[in-house]
Amino acid sequence: MKEIDIRMLYNNVFLKMKSVMSKNILKDNLIALQEQKIMFLEKEIYLFKKEIEDMVQFYDDKSEAFLNHPSKKKDPPFNFLGNKLE
């Protein structure tokens, strides 16, 4: 009778340890997945920020080129006598 009780106790302890180990593995896997998701989101945020910075730089360059275009440069203004004002 004692031998059966010891086996049952051993089996119960073994099953509980296996259950706890499985839960720990699942928790570790969940943590790893969350870390991967965070890293993915950080990468997406970085790429989005870089894309916005590139677009801002592109339009800054375009506006600078537009403002410095020779057709946009004006002669100095003249006064009513026709003399150049400087």
N, C-alpha and C. Protein backbone atom coordinates (compact mmCIF):
# COMPACT_ATOMS: atom_id res chain seq x y z
N MET A 1 0.82 -1.19 0.00
CA MET A 1 0.00 0.00 0.00
C MET A 1 0.87 1.25 0.00
N LYS A 2 1.94 1.22 0.79
CA LYS A 2 2.81 2.38 0.86
C LYS A 2 3.49 2.62 -0.49
N GLU A 3 3.83 1.52 -1.17
CA GLU A 3 4.50 1.66 -2.46
C GLU A 3 3.60 2.36 -3.48
N ILE A 4 2.33 2.07 -3.46
CA ILE A 4 1.37 2.70 -4.38
C ILE A 4 1.24 4.19 -4.02
N ASP A 5 1.17 4.50 -2.75
CA ASP A 5 1.07 5.90 -2.33
C ASP A 5 2.30 6.69 -2.75
N ILE A 6 3.46 6.07 -2.62
CA ILE A 6 4.70 6.76 -2.99
C ILE A 6 4.72 7.01 -4.50
N ARG A 7 4.30 6.03 -5.29
CA ARG A 7 4.26 6.21 -6.74
C ARG A 7 3.27 7.31 -7.13
N MET A 8 2.11 7.30 -6.51
CA MET A 8 1.11 8.33 -6.81
C MET A 8 1.64 9.71 -6.43
N LEU A 9 2.27 9.77 -5.26
CA LEU A 9 2.86 11.05 -4.83
C LEU A 9 3.95 11.49 -5.80
N TYR A 10 4.81 10.55 -6.21
CA TYR A 10 5.87 10.86 -7.16
C TYR A 10 5.26 11.35 -8.48
N ASN A 11 4.25 10.64 -8.98
CA ASN A 11 3.59 11.04 -10.22
C ASN A 11 2.95 12.42 -10.10
N ASN A 12 2.30 12.70 -8.98
CA ASN A 12 1.68 14.01 -8.78
C ASN A 12 2.73 15.12 -8.76
N VAL A 13 3.82 14.86 -8.03
CA VAL A 13 4.88 15.85 -7.96
C VAL A 13 5.50 16.05 -9.34
N PHE A 14 5.73 14.96 -10.04
CA PHE A 14 6.32 15.04 -11.38
C PHE A 14 5.40 15.82 -12.32
N LEU A 15 4.11 15.54 -12.28
CA LEU A 15 3.15 16.24 -13.14
C LEU A 15 3.08 17.73 -12.79
N LYS A 16 3.12 18.05 -11.51
CA LYS A 16 3.09 19.46 -11.11
C LYS A 16 4.36 20.17 -11.54
N MET A 17 5.51 19.52 -11.39
CA MET A 17 6.77 20.13 -11.84
C MET A 17 6.74 20.35 -13.34
N LYS A 18 6.22 19.36 -14.07
CA LYS A 18 6.12 19.48 -15.52
C LYS A 18 5.19 20.63 -15.90
N SER A 19 4.11 20.77 -15.17
CA SER A 19 3.15 21.85 -15.42
C SER A 19 3.79 23.21 -15.15
N VAL A 20 4.51 23.31 -14.04
CA VAL A 20 5.17 24.57 -13.70
C VAL A 20 6.24 24.90 -14.74
N MET A 21 7.01 23.89 -15.15
CA MET A 21 8.04 24.12 -16.16
C MET A 21 7.41 24.56 -17.47
N SER A 22 6.30 23.95 -17.85
CA SER A 22 5.60 24.33 -19.08
C SER A 22 5.11 25.76 -18.98
N LYS A 23 4.57 26.14 -17.83
CA LYS A 23 4.10 27.52 -17.65
C LYS A 23 5.26 28.49 -17.74
N ASN A 24 6.40 28.13 -17.14
CA ASN A 24 7.58 29.00 -17.21
C ASN A 24 8.07 29.15 -18.65
N ILE A 25 8.06 28.05 -19.39
CA ILE A 25 8.47 28.10 -20.79
C ILE A 25 7.52 28.98 -21.58
N LEU A 26 6.22 28.84 -21.33
CA LEU A 26 5.24 29.68 -22.02
C LEU A 26 5.43 31.15 -21.67
N LYS A 27 5.69 31.42 -20.39
CA LYS A 27 5.94 32.81 -19.99
C LYS A 27 7.19 33.36 -20.68
N ASP A 28 8.26 32.54 -20.71
CA ASP A 28 9.49 32.97 -21.38
C ASP A 28 9.25 33.23 -22.86
N ASN A 29 8.48 32.36 -23.50
CA ASN A 29 8.16 32.54 -24.92
C ASN A 29 7.33 33.80 -25.13
N LEU A 30 6.39 34.05 -24.25
CA LEU A 30 5.56 35.25 -24.36
C LEU A 30 6.41 36.50 -24.19
N ILE A 31 7.31 36.47 -23.23
CA ILE A 31 8.21 37.62 -23.01
C ILE A 31 9.09 37.83 -24.24
N ALA A 32 9.61 36.75 -24.81
CA ALA A 32 10.46 36.87 -26.00
C ALA A 32 9.65 37.45 -27.16
N LEU A 33 8.42 37.01 -27.33
CA LEU A 33 7.58 37.55 -28.40
C LEU A 33 7.29 39.03 -28.19
N GLN A 34 7.04 39.41 -26.95
CA GLN A 34 6.78 40.82 -26.66
C GLN A 34 8.03 41.66 -26.94
N GLU A 35 9.20 41.14 -26.59
CA GLU A 35 10.44 41.85 -26.87
C GLU A 35 10.66 42.00 -28.37
N GLN A 36 10.35 40.94 -29.13
CA GLN A 36 10.49 41.00 -30.58
C GLN A 36 9.52 42.04 -31.16
N LYS A 37 8.31 42.07 -30.63
CA LYS A 37 7.32 43.03 -31.11
C LYS A 37 7.78 44.46 -30.81
N ILE A 38 8.33 44.66 -29.62
CA ILE A 38 8.85 45.99 -29.25
C ILE A 38 9.98 46.39 -30.19
N MET A 39 10.90 45.46 -30.46
CA MET A 39 12.01 45.76 -31.36
C MET A 39 11.49 46.07 -32.76
N PHE A 40 10.49 45.32 -33.23
CA PHE A 40 9.90 45.57 -34.55
C PHE A 40 9.27 46.96 -34.60
N LEU A 41 8.52 47.31 -33.55
CA LEU A 41 7.88 48.62 -33.52
C LEU A 41 8.91 49.74 -33.44
N GLU A 42 9.96 49.55 -32.68
CA GLU A 42 11.03 50.55 -32.61
C GLU A 42 11.66 50.74 -33.99
N LYS A 43 11.87 49.64 -34.70
CA LYS A 43 12.44 49.73 -36.05
C LYS A 43 11.48 50.46 -36.98
N GLU A 44 10.19 50.15 -36.91
CA GLU A 44 9.19 50.82 -37.75
C GLU A 44 9.14 52.32 -37.44
N ILE A 45 9.20 52.67 -36.17
CA ILE A 45 9.19 54.08 -35.77
C ILE A 45 10.44 54.77 -36.32
N TYR A 46 11.60 54.13 -36.20
CA TYR A 46 12.84 54.71 -36.71
C TYR A 46 12.74 54.92 -38.22
N LEU A 47 12.24 53.92 -38.95
CA LEU A 47 12.13 54.05 -40.41
C LEU A 47 11.15 55.14 -40.80
N PHE A 48 10.03 55.24 -40.08
CA PHE A 48 9.04 56.27 -40.35
C PHE A 48 9.63 57.66 -40.09
N LYS A 49 10.35 57.79 -38.98
CA LYS A 49 11.00 59.06 -38.64
C LYS A 49 12.02 59.43 -39.70
N LYS A 50 12.81 58.45 -40.15
CA LYS A 50 13.81 58.69 -41.19
C LYS A 50 13.14 59.12 -42.49
N GLU A 51 12.04 58.49 -42.83
CA GLU A 51 11.31 58.84 -44.05
C GLU A 51 10.79 60.28 -43.97
N ILE A 52 10.27 60.67 -42.83
CA ILE A 52 9.78 62.03 -42.66
C ILE A 52 10.94 63.02 -42.75
N GLU A 53 12.06 62.71 -42.10
CA GLU A 53 13.22 63.59 -42.18
C GLU A 53 13.71 63.74 -43.61
N ASP A 54 13.71 62.63 -44.37
CA ASP A 54 14.12 62.69 -45.77
C ASP A 54 13.17 63.56 -46.59
N MET A 55 11.86 63.43 -46.33
CA MET A 55 10.89 64.25 -47.05
C MET A 55 11.05 65.72 -46.71
N VAL A 56 11.27 66.02 -45.46
CA VAL A 56 11.48 67.42 -45.05
C VAL A 56 12.73 67.98 -45.72
N GLN A 57 13.81 67.19 -45.73
CA GLN A 57 15.05 67.63 -46.38
C GLN A 57 14.82 67.84 -47.87
N PHE A 58 14.08 66.94 -48.51
CA PHE A 58 13.80 67.06 -49.94
C PHE A 58 13.06 68.35 -50.24
N TYR A 59 12.02 68.64 -49.45
CA TYR A 59 11.25 69.86 -49.72
C TYR A 59 12.02 71.11 -49.31
N ASP A 60 12.87 71.02 -48.31
CA ASP A 60 13.76 72.15 -47.99
C ASP A 60 14.68 72.44 -49.16
N ASP A 61 15.25 71.38 -49.73
CA ASP A 61 16.14 71.56 -50.88
C ASP A 61 15.39 72.13 -52.07
N LYS A 62 14.17 71.63 -52.29
CA LYS A 62 13.35 72.13 -53.41
C LYS A 62 13.02 73.61 -53.22
N SER A 63 12.61 73.97 -52.02
CA SER A 63 12.24 75.37 -51.79
C SER A 63 13.47 76.27 -51.89
N GLU A 64 14.62 75.79 -51.43
CA GLU A 64 15.85 76.56 -51.54
C GLU A 64 16.21 76.76 -53.02
N ALA A 65 16.10 75.71 -53.80
CA ALA A 65 16.38 75.80 -55.23
C ALA A 65 15.39 76.74 -55.91
N PHE A 66 14.13 76.68 -55.51
CA PHE A 66 13.11 77.54 -56.09
C PHE A 66 13.40 79.01 -55.77
N LEU A 67 13.75 79.28 -54.53
CA LEU A 67 14.02 80.66 -54.13
C LEU A 67 15.30 81.21 -54.75
N ASN A 68 16.25 80.33 -55.02
CA ASN A 68 17.52 80.77 -55.61
C ASN A 68 17.54 80.67 -57.13
N HIS A 69 16.43 80.29 -57.73
CA HIS A 69 16.37 80.17 -59.19
C HIS A 69 16.60 81.54 -59.81
N PRO A 70 17.36 81.60 -60.92
CA PRO A 70 17.64 82.91 -61.54
C PRO A 70 16.40 83.70 -61.92
N SER A 71 15.33 83.03 -62.27
CA SER A 71 14.12 83.75 -62.65
C SER A 71 13.46 84.44 -61.44
N LYS A 72 13.81 84.00 -60.25
CA LYS A 72 13.22 84.59 -59.04
C LYS A 72 14.04 85.76 -58.51
N LYS A 73 15.24 85.92 -59.03
CA LYS A 73 16.07 87.04 -58.58
C LYS A 73 15.60 88.30 -59.29
N LYS A 74 15.41 89.34 -58.52
CA LYS A 74 14.92 90.59 -59.08
C LYS A 74 16.03 91.63 -59.06
N ASP A 75 15.93 92.53 -59.99
CA ASP A 75 16.85 93.66 -59.97
C ASP A 75 16.51 94.51 -58.76
N PRO A 76 17.48 95.25 -58.29
CA PRO A 76 17.18 96.14 -57.15
C PRO A 76 16.06 97.10 -57.54
N PRO A 77 15.24 97.47 -56.63
CA PRO A 77 14.12 98.35 -56.96
C PRO A 77 14.60 99.75 -57.38
N PHE A 78 13.79 100.40 -58.19
CA PHE A 78 14.09 101.75 -58.64
C PHE A 78 13.18 102.72 -57.91
N ASN A 79 13.69 103.94 -57.71
CA ASN A 79 12.81 104.98 -57.16
C ASN A 79 12.08 105.66 -58.32
N PHE A 80 11.27 106.61 -58.01
CA PHE A 80 10.45 107.22 -59.05
C PHE A 80 11.28 108.01 -60.07
N LEU A 81 12.55 108.31 -59.76
CA LEU A 81 13.41 109.01 -60.71
C LEU A 81 14.17 108.04 -61.61
N GLY A 82 14.03 106.74 -61.35
CA GLY A 82 14.71 105.74 -62.17
C GLY A 82 16.07 105.36 -61.62
N ASN A 83 16.40 105.85 -60.46
CA ASN A 83 17.67 105.48 -59.83
C ASN A 83 17.51 104.18 -59.05
N LYS A 84 18.55 103.34 -59.12
CA LYS A 84 18.49 102.06 -58.37
C LYS A 84 18.62 102.33 -56.89
N LEU A 85 17.78 101.68 -56.14
CA LEU A 85 17.88 101.75 -54.68
C LEU A 85 18.70 100.55 -54.21
N GLU A 86 19.59 100.81 -53.27
CA GLU A 86 20.39 99.68 -52.77
C GLU A 86 20.32 99.60 -51.28
